[in-house]
Amino acid sequence: RTSAEFKEGHITGARQLDFNKASFERRVSRLDRNQPVLLYCRTGKRSHRAAQLLEQLGFREIIELDGGITAWKEGGQAMTG
């Protein structure tokens, strides 16, 4: 999610990485490929593209939040921001 989207609200404990920024691949490469990664964006489209990239980079367990943060909020789940 973008910085502005993240400031509007995010899942508690989430880290903000903007898929559309040139630094995304470099920043995500610093993560432990053996740990599960949960991806979400506003509706799920960007996070799906990010999941494909993480798979190519060798991440073992990639979880996508179906429907993105929009579905999370509609489900009444807790957020920060």
N, C-alpha and C. Protein backbone atom coordinates (compact mmCIF):
# COMPACT_ATOMS: atom_id res chain seq x y z
N ARG A 1 0.84 -1.18 0.00
CA ARG A 1 0.00 0.00 0.00
C ARG A 1 0.88 1.23 0.00
N THR A 2 0.33 2.30 -0.52
CA THR A 2 1.08 3.56 -0.53
C THR A 2 1.17 4.10 0.89
N SER A 3 2.06 5.05 1.09
CA SER A 3 2.19 5.67 2.42
C SER A 3 0.88 6.31 2.85
N ALA A 4 0.22 7.00 1.94
CA ALA A 4 -1.06 7.65 2.26
C ALA A 4 -2.12 6.61 2.64
N GLU A 5 -2.20 5.52 1.90
CA GLU A 5 -3.16 4.45 2.21
C GLU A 5 -2.85 3.85 3.59
N PHE A 6 -1.59 3.64 3.85
CA PHE A 6 -1.17 3.04 5.12
C PHE A 6 -1.55 3.94 6.29
N LYS A 7 -1.39 5.25 6.13
CA LYS A 7 -1.74 6.20 7.18
C LYS A 7 -3.24 6.23 7.43
N GLU A 8 -4.04 5.95 6.40
CA GLU A 8 -5.50 5.91 6.56
C GLU A 8 -5.93 4.76 7.45
N GLY A 9 -5.14 3.73 7.49
CA GLY A 9 -5.45 2.58 8.32
C GLY A 9 -4.76 1.34 7.81
N HIS A 10 -4.34 0.49 8.75
CA HIS A 10 -3.66 -0.74 8.38
C HIS A 10 -3.86 -1.79 9.47
N ILE A 11 -3.58 -3.00 9.13
CA ILE A 11 -3.67 -4.09 10.10
C ILE A 11 -2.55 -3.90 11.12
N THR A 12 -2.89 -4.02 12.38
CA THR A 12 -1.93 -3.84 13.46
C THR A 12 -0.72 -4.75 13.24
N GLY A 13 0.46 -4.16 13.31
CA GLY A 13 1.70 -4.92 13.15
C GLY A 13 2.19 -4.99 11.71
N ALA A 14 1.42 -4.45 10.78
CA ALA A 14 1.80 -4.51 9.37
C ALA A 14 2.99 -3.61 9.09
N ARG A 15 3.76 -3.98 8.08
CA ARG A 15 4.85 -3.15 7.57
C ARG A 15 4.44 -2.64 6.21
N GLN A 16 4.72 -1.39 5.94
CA GLN A 16 4.31 -0.76 4.69
C GLN A 16 5.40 -0.88 3.64
N LEU A 17 5.08 -1.54 2.54
CA LEU A 17 5.94 -1.63 1.36
C LEU A 17 5.06 -1.33 0.16
N ASP A 18 5.45 -0.34 -0.61
CA ASP A 18 4.65 0.09 -1.76
C ASP A 18 5.10 -0.66 -3.01
N PHE A 19 4.24 -1.52 -3.52
CA PHE A 19 4.56 -2.33 -4.69
C PHE A 19 4.91 -1.48 -5.90
N ASN A 20 4.37 -0.28 -5.99
CA ASN A 20 4.60 0.58 -7.15
C ASN A 20 5.92 1.35 -7.10
N LYS A 21 6.63 1.28 -6.00
CA LYS A 21 7.92 1.99 -5.88
C LYS A 21 9.05 1.12 -6.40
N ALA A 22 10.05 1.77 -6.97
CA ALA A 22 11.21 1.06 -7.50
C ALA A 22 11.95 0.28 -6.41
N SER A 23 11.85 0.72 -5.17
CA SER A 23 12.56 0.09 -4.05
C SER A 23 11.87 -1.17 -3.54
N PHE A 24 10.69 -1.49 -4.05
CA PHE A 24 9.91 -2.62 -3.50
C PHE A 24 10.71 -3.92 -3.51
N GLU A 25 11.25 -4.29 -4.65
CA GLU A 25 11.95 -5.58 -4.75
C GLU A 25 13.16 -5.62 -3.81
N ARG A 26 13.90 -4.53 -3.73
CA ARG A 26 15.07 -4.47 -2.84
C ARG A 26 14.63 -4.62 -1.39
N ARG A 27 13.56 -3.92 -1.01
CA ARG A 27 13.10 -3.96 0.38
C ARG A 27 12.53 -5.33 0.74
N VAL A 28 11.77 -5.91 -0.17
CA VAL A 28 11.16 -7.21 0.13
C VAL A 28 12.23 -8.31 0.16
N SER A 29 13.31 -8.12 -0.58
CA SER A 29 14.40 -9.10 -0.59
C SER A 29 15.08 -9.22 0.77
N ARG A 30 14.92 -8.23 1.63
CA ARG A 30 15.50 -8.25 2.97
C ARG A 30 14.71 -9.13 3.94
N LEU A 31 13.51 -9.51 3.56
CA LEU A 31 12.66 -10.33 4.43
C LEU A 31 13.13 -11.78 4.40
N ASP A 32 12.83 -12.51 5.46
CA ASP A 32 13.17 -13.93 5.57
C ASP A 32 12.23 -14.74 4.67
N ARG A 33 12.78 -15.37 3.66
CA ARG A 33 12.00 -16.14 2.69
C ARG A 33 11.37 -17.40 3.30
N ASN A 34 11.84 -17.79 4.48
CA ASN A 34 11.32 -18.99 5.14
C ASN A 34 10.17 -18.69 6.10
N GLN A 35 9.88 -17.41 6.31
CA GLN A 35 8.77 -17.02 7.20
C GLN A 35 7.53 -16.72 6.36
N PRO A 36 6.34 -17.02 6.88
CA PRO A 36 5.11 -16.68 6.15
C PRO A 36 5.01 -15.17 5.94
N VAL A 37 4.49 -14.78 4.79
CA VAL A 37 4.28 -13.37 4.47
C VAL A 37 2.80 -13.19 4.10
N LEU A 38 2.14 -12.26 4.79
CA LEU A 38 0.75 -11.93 4.48
C LEU A 38 0.76 -10.63 3.69
N LEU A 39 0.17 -10.65 2.52
CA LEU A 39 0.11 -9.48 1.66
C LEU A 39 -1.31 -8.96 1.56
N TYR A 40 -1.42 -7.63 1.57
CA TYR A 40 -2.73 -7.03 1.31
C TYR A 40 -2.53 -5.64 0.75
N CYS A 41 -3.50 -5.22 -0.03
CA CYS A 41 -3.54 -3.85 -0.56
C CYS A 41 -4.98 -3.38 -0.35
N ARG A 42 -5.44 -2.48 -1.17
CA ARG A 42 -6.81 -1.97 -0.98
C ARG A 42 -7.84 -3.03 -1.33
N THR A 43 -7.70 -3.63 -2.52
CA THR A 43 -8.71 -4.60 -2.96
C THR A 43 -8.16 -5.98 -3.31
N GLY A 44 -6.84 -6.12 -3.37
CA GLY A 44 -6.23 -7.42 -3.65
C GLY A 44 -5.50 -7.52 -4.97
N LYS A 45 -5.62 -6.53 -5.83
CA LYS A 45 -4.97 -6.61 -7.15
C LYS A 45 -3.45 -6.43 -7.05
N ARG A 46 -3.00 -5.37 -6.37
CA ARG A 46 -1.56 -5.15 -6.23
C ARG A 46 -0.91 -6.25 -5.40
N SER A 47 -1.58 -6.69 -4.36
CA SER A 47 -0.99 -7.73 -3.53
C SER A 47 -0.86 -9.04 -4.30
N HIS A 48 -1.76 -9.29 -5.24
CA HIS A 48 -1.64 -10.50 -6.07
C HIS A 48 -0.39 -10.41 -6.95
N ARG A 49 -0.16 -9.25 -7.53
CA ARG A 49 1.05 -9.07 -8.36
C ARG A 49 2.30 -9.18 -7.49
N ALA A 50 2.22 -8.64 -6.27
CA ALA A 50 3.35 -8.74 -5.34
C ALA A 50 3.61 -10.20 -4.96
N ALA A 51 2.55 -10.96 -4.77
CA ALA A 51 2.68 -12.38 -4.42
C ALA A 51 3.40 -13.14 -5.53
N GLN A 52 3.09 -12.82 -6.77
CA GLN A 52 3.76 -13.47 -7.90
C GLN A 52 5.26 -13.17 -7.88
N LEU A 53 5.62 -11.93 -7.58
CA LEU A 53 7.03 -11.55 -7.49
C LEU A 53 7.72 -12.27 -6.34
N LEU A 54 7.08 -12.30 -5.18
CA LEU A 54 7.67 -12.99 -4.03
C LEU A 54 7.88 -14.47 -4.32
N GLU A 55 6.95 -15.07 -5.03
CA GLU A 55 7.11 -16.47 -5.41
C GLU A 55 8.35 -16.64 -6.28
N GLN A 56 8.55 -15.75 -7.23
CA GLN A 56 9.73 -15.79 -8.10
C GLN A 56 11.02 -15.59 -7.29
N LEU A 57 10.93 -14.82 -6.21
CA LEU A 57 12.10 -14.56 -5.37
C LEU A 57 12.37 -15.68 -4.37
N GLY A 58 11.52 -16.69 -4.35
CA GLY A 58 11.76 -17.86 -3.51
C GLY A 58 11.09 -17.87 -2.16
N PHE A 59 10.12 -17.00 -1.94
CA PHE A 59 9.39 -17.04 -0.67
C PHE A 59 8.57 -18.31 -0.63
N ARG A 60 8.55 -18.96 0.53
CA ARG A 60 7.93 -20.27 0.65
C ARG A 60 6.44 -20.23 0.98
N GLU A 61 6.03 -19.31 1.85
CA GLU A 61 4.61 -19.26 2.25
C GLU A 61 4.09 -17.83 2.09
N ILE A 62 3.25 -17.65 1.06
CA ILE A 62 2.70 -16.34 0.74
C ILE A 62 1.20 -16.41 0.91
N ILE A 63 0.66 -15.54 1.75
CA ILE A 63 -0.77 -15.52 2.03
C ILE A 63 -1.32 -14.19 1.54
N GLU A 64 -2.37 -14.25 0.74
CA GLU A 64 -3.00 -13.03 0.24
C GLU A 64 -4.32 -12.81 0.97
N LEU A 65 -4.55 -11.59 1.43
CA LEU A 65 -5.81 -11.24 2.08
C LEU A 65 -6.86 -11.03 1.00
N ASP A 66 -7.76 -11.97 0.89
CA ASP A 66 -8.81 -11.92 -0.13
C ASP A 66 -9.66 -10.66 0.02
N GLY A 67 -9.70 -9.86 -1.02
CA GLY A 67 -10.49 -8.63 -0.98
C GLY A 67 -9.77 -7.44 -0.38
N GLY A 68 -8.53 -7.64 0.06
CA GLY A 68 -7.71 -6.56 0.58
C GLY A 68 -8.23 -5.96 1.87
N ILE A 69 -7.69 -4.78 2.18
CA ILE A 69 -8.06 -4.09 3.42
C ILE A 69 -9.53 -3.67 3.39
N THR A 70 -10.07 -3.49 2.19
CA THR A 70 -11.49 -3.14 2.06
C THR A 70 -12.35 -4.24 2.67
N ALA A 71 -12.08 -5.48 2.32
CA ALA A 71 -12.84 -6.61 2.88
C ALA A 71 -12.57 -6.75 4.37
N TRP A 72 -11.35 -6.50 4.79
CA TRP A 72 -10.99 -6.58 6.21
C TRP A 72 -11.84 -5.61 7.03
N LYS A 73 -11.92 -4.35 6.55
CA LYS A 73 -12.70 -3.34 7.25
C LYS A 73 -14.20 -3.69 7.24
N GLU A 74 -14.68 -4.14 6.10
CA GLU A 74 -16.11 -4.51 6.00
C GLU A 74 -16.45 -5.66 6.93
N GLY A 75 -15.46 -6.49 7.22
CA GLY A 75 -15.66 -7.61 8.15
C GLY A 75 -15.57 -7.19 9.60
N GLY A 76 -15.30 -5.90 9.84
CA GLY A 76 -15.25 -5.38 11.21
C GLY A 76 -13.97 -5.71 11.95
N GLN A 77 -12.92 -6.04 11.22
CA GLN A 77 -11.65 -6.41 11.86
C GLN A 77 -10.93 -5.17 12.36
N ALA A 78 -10.07 -5.36 13.36
CA ALA A 78 -9.33 -4.26 13.98
C ALA A 78 -8.26 -3.71 13.05
N MET A 79 -8.06 -2.38 13.16
CA MET A 79 -7.05 -1.69 12.37
C MET A 79 -6.36 -0.65 13.24
N THR A 80 -5.22 -0.19 12.75
CA THR A 80 -4.48 0.90 13.37
C THR A 80 -4.47 2.06 12.38
N GLY A 81 -4.49 3.27 12.89
CA GLY A 81 -4.39 4.43 11.99
C GLY A 81 -5.69 5.16 11.82
